[in-house]
Amino acid sequence: MLVHSFGTTGEWFNDYEGFAALLGAEAKRDALVEARSRDGLRLYFGWVNGDGRHLTA
């Protein structure tokens, strides 16, 4: 699961971190982490922030 935050401040990261923890992953910014394996399935989480140069209209 990849979350692309269209901002530079990491707003809502705490919510994402809590969700990932429920599934056994230790959330990190700008990194891919693996959650607990269930029934042989592997689930990965990733959080990336937007690039400020591309966030203005």
N, C-alpha and C. Protein backbone atom coordinates (compact mmCIF):
# COMPACT_ATOMS: atom_id res chain seq x y z
N MET A 1 0.85 -1.14 0.00
CA MET A 1 0.00 0.00 0.00
C MET A 1 0.90 1.21 0.00
N LEU A 2 0.74 2.09 -0.95
CA LEU A 2 1.55 3.30 -1.04
C LEU A 2 0.66 4.51 -0.78
N VAL A 3 1.10 5.35 0.15
CA VAL A 3 0.41 6.60 0.42
C VAL A 3 1.29 7.72 -0.08
N HIS A 4 0.76 8.52 -1.01
CA HIS A 4 1.47 9.69 -1.51
C HIS A 4 0.81 10.91 -0.89
N SER A 5 1.52 11.53 0.04
CA SER A 5 1.01 12.73 0.70
C SER A 5 1.32 13.92 -0.20
N PHE A 6 0.28 14.59 -0.66
CA PHE A 6 0.48 15.75 -1.53
C PHE A 6 0.73 16.98 -0.69
N GLY A 7 1.78 16.92 0.09
CA GLY A 7 2.20 18.00 0.95
C GLY A 7 3.63 17.73 1.38
N THR A 8 4.20 18.67 2.11
CA THR A 8 5.59 18.52 2.52
C THR A 8 5.74 18.39 4.04
N THR A 9 4.64 18.52 4.77
CA THR A 9 4.73 18.55 6.23
C THR A 9 4.48 17.19 6.87
N GLY A 10 4.03 16.22 6.14
CA GLY A 10 3.74 14.91 6.73
C GLY A 10 2.44 14.87 7.51
N GLU A 11 1.57 15.83 7.22
CA GLU A 11 0.26 15.85 7.88
C GLU A 11 -0.43 14.50 7.64
N TRP A 12 -1.05 13.95 8.66
CA TRP A 12 -1.76 12.68 8.65
C TRP A 12 -0.85 11.48 8.76
N PHE A 13 0.46 11.67 8.88
CA PHE A 13 1.35 10.52 9.02
C PHE A 13 1.01 9.71 10.26
N ASN A 14 0.62 10.37 11.33
CA ASN A 14 0.29 9.65 12.57
C ASN A 14 -0.85 8.67 12.36
N ASP A 15 -1.85 9.05 11.56
CA ASP A 15 -2.95 8.14 11.26
C ASP A 15 -2.46 6.94 10.44
N TYR A 16 -1.64 7.21 9.46
CA TYR A 16 -1.06 6.15 8.65
C TYR A 16 -0.22 5.21 9.51
N GLU A 17 0.56 5.79 10.41
CA GLU A 17 1.41 5.00 11.30
C GLU A 17 0.58 4.07 12.18
N GLY A 18 -0.53 4.57 12.69
CA GLY A 18 -1.42 3.74 13.51
C GLY A 18 -2.04 2.61 12.71
N PHE A 19 -2.45 2.90 11.48
CA PHE A 19 -3.04 1.87 10.63
C PHE A 19 -2.02 0.78 10.31
N ALA A 20 -0.81 1.19 9.96
CA ALA A 20 0.24 0.23 9.65
C ALA A 20 0.55 -0.65 10.87
N ALA A 21 0.55 -0.04 12.04
CA ALA A 21 0.84 -0.80 13.27
C ALA A 21 -0.21 -1.88 13.52
N LEU A 22 -1.46 -1.58 13.18
CA LEU A 22 -2.52 -2.59 13.35
C LEU A 22 -2.23 -3.85 12.54
N LEU A 23 -1.52 -3.67 11.45
CA LEU A 23 -1.20 -4.81 10.58
C LEU A 23 0.23 -5.30 10.76
N GLY A 24 0.87 -4.83 11.83
CA GLY A 24 2.19 -5.35 12.17
C GLY A 24 3.36 -4.71 11.49
N ALA A 25 3.19 -3.49 10.97
CA ALA A 25 4.30 -2.81 10.31
C ALA A 25 4.72 -1.59 11.12
N GLU A 26 6.01 -1.30 11.10
CA GLU A 26 6.54 -0.10 11.73
C GLU A 26 6.72 0.95 10.64
N ALA A 27 5.77 1.87 10.56
CA ALA A 27 5.75 2.87 9.48
C ALA A 27 6.95 3.80 9.55
N LYS A 28 7.47 4.14 8.38
CA LYS A 28 8.58 5.09 8.26
C LYS A 28 8.29 5.99 7.06
N ARG A 29 8.80 7.20 7.15
CA ARG A 29 8.63 8.14 6.03
C ARG A 29 9.61 7.80 4.91
N ASP A 30 9.14 7.94 3.69
CA ASP A 30 9.98 7.72 2.50
C ASP A 30 10.68 6.37 2.52
N ALA A 31 9.97 5.35 2.96
CA ALA A 31 10.54 4.01 3.02
C ALA A 31 9.44 2.97 2.82
N LEU A 32 9.85 1.82 2.34
CA LEU A 32 8.95 0.68 2.17
C LEU A 32 9.20 -0.27 3.33
N VAL A 33 8.13 -0.66 4.03
CA VAL A 33 8.27 -1.58 5.17
C VAL A 33 7.30 -2.74 4.98
N GLU A 34 7.68 -3.89 5.54
CA GLU A 34 6.85 -5.08 5.41
C GLU A 34 6.03 -5.29 6.68
N ALA A 35 4.77 -5.63 6.50
CA ALA A 35 3.88 -5.96 7.61
C ALA A 35 4.01 -7.46 7.90
N ARG A 36 3.36 -7.91 8.95
CA ARG A 36 3.33 -9.35 9.25
C ARG A 36 2.76 -10.10 8.04
N SER A 37 3.32 -11.24 7.79
CA SER A 37 2.82 -12.10 6.73
C SER A 37 1.59 -12.85 7.24
N ARG A 38 0.54 -12.89 6.44
CA ARG A 38 -0.68 -13.64 6.80
C ARG A 38 -1.00 -14.62 5.71
N ASP A 39 -1.16 -15.85 6.09
CA ASP A 39 -1.54 -16.90 5.14
C ASP A 39 -0.62 -16.91 3.91
N GLY A 40 0.65 -16.62 4.12
CA GLY A 40 1.60 -16.64 3.02
C GLY A 40 1.60 -15.40 2.15
N LEU A 41 0.75 -14.43 2.45
CA LEU A 41 0.70 -13.19 1.68
C LEU A 41 1.57 -12.14 2.36
N ARG A 42 2.30 -11.39 1.55
CA ARG A 42 3.17 -10.35 2.09
C ARG A 42 2.57 -8.99 1.74
N LEU A 43 2.51 -8.12 2.73
CA LEU A 43 1.95 -6.78 2.55
C LEU A 43 3.01 -5.76 2.89
N TYR A 44 3.16 -4.77 2.04
CA TYR A 44 4.15 -3.71 2.24
C TYR A 44 3.44 -2.37 2.35
N PHE A 45 4.03 -1.48 3.14
CA PHE A 45 3.52 -0.13 3.30
C PHE A 45 4.60 0.86 2.91
N GLY A 46 4.17 1.95 2.30
CA GLY A 46 5.12 3.02 1.97
C GLY A 46 4.44 4.38 2.07
N TRP A 47 5.17 5.37 2.55
CA TRP A 47 4.68 6.75 2.67
C TRP A 47 5.70 7.64 1.97
N VAL A 48 5.23 8.47 1.06
CA VAL A 48 6.10 9.44 0.39
C VAL A 48 5.44 10.81 0.44
N ASN A 49 6.26 11.84 0.63
CA ASN A 49 5.78 13.22 0.60
C ASN A 49 5.92 13.78 -0.81
N GLY A 50 5.07 14.75 -1.10
CA GLY A 50 5.15 15.42 -2.38
C GLY A 50 6.36 16.33 -2.45
N ASP A 51 6.77 16.63 -3.65
CA ASP A 51 7.86 17.56 -3.88
C ASP A 51 7.27 18.97 -3.94
N GLY A 52 7.71 19.84 -3.05
CA GLY A 52 7.17 21.19 -2.96
C GLY A 52 7.21 21.97 -4.26
N ARG A 53 8.13 21.65 -5.14
CA ARG A 53 8.22 22.36 -6.44
C ARG A 53 7.00 22.09 -7.31
N HIS A 54 6.30 20.99 -7.06
CA HIS A 54 5.18 20.60 -7.91
C HIS A 54 3.84 20.76 -7.23
N LEU A 55 3.81 21.44 -6.10
CA LEU A 55 2.57 21.52 -5.31
C LEU A 55 1.87 22.86 -5.42
N THR A 56 2.34 23.75 -6.24
CA THR A 56 1.68 25.04 -6.40
C THR A 56 1.03 25.11 -7.78
N ALA A 57 -0.10 25.77 -7.82
CA ALA A 57 -0.82 25.89 -9.10
C ALA A 57 -0.56 27.22 -9.74
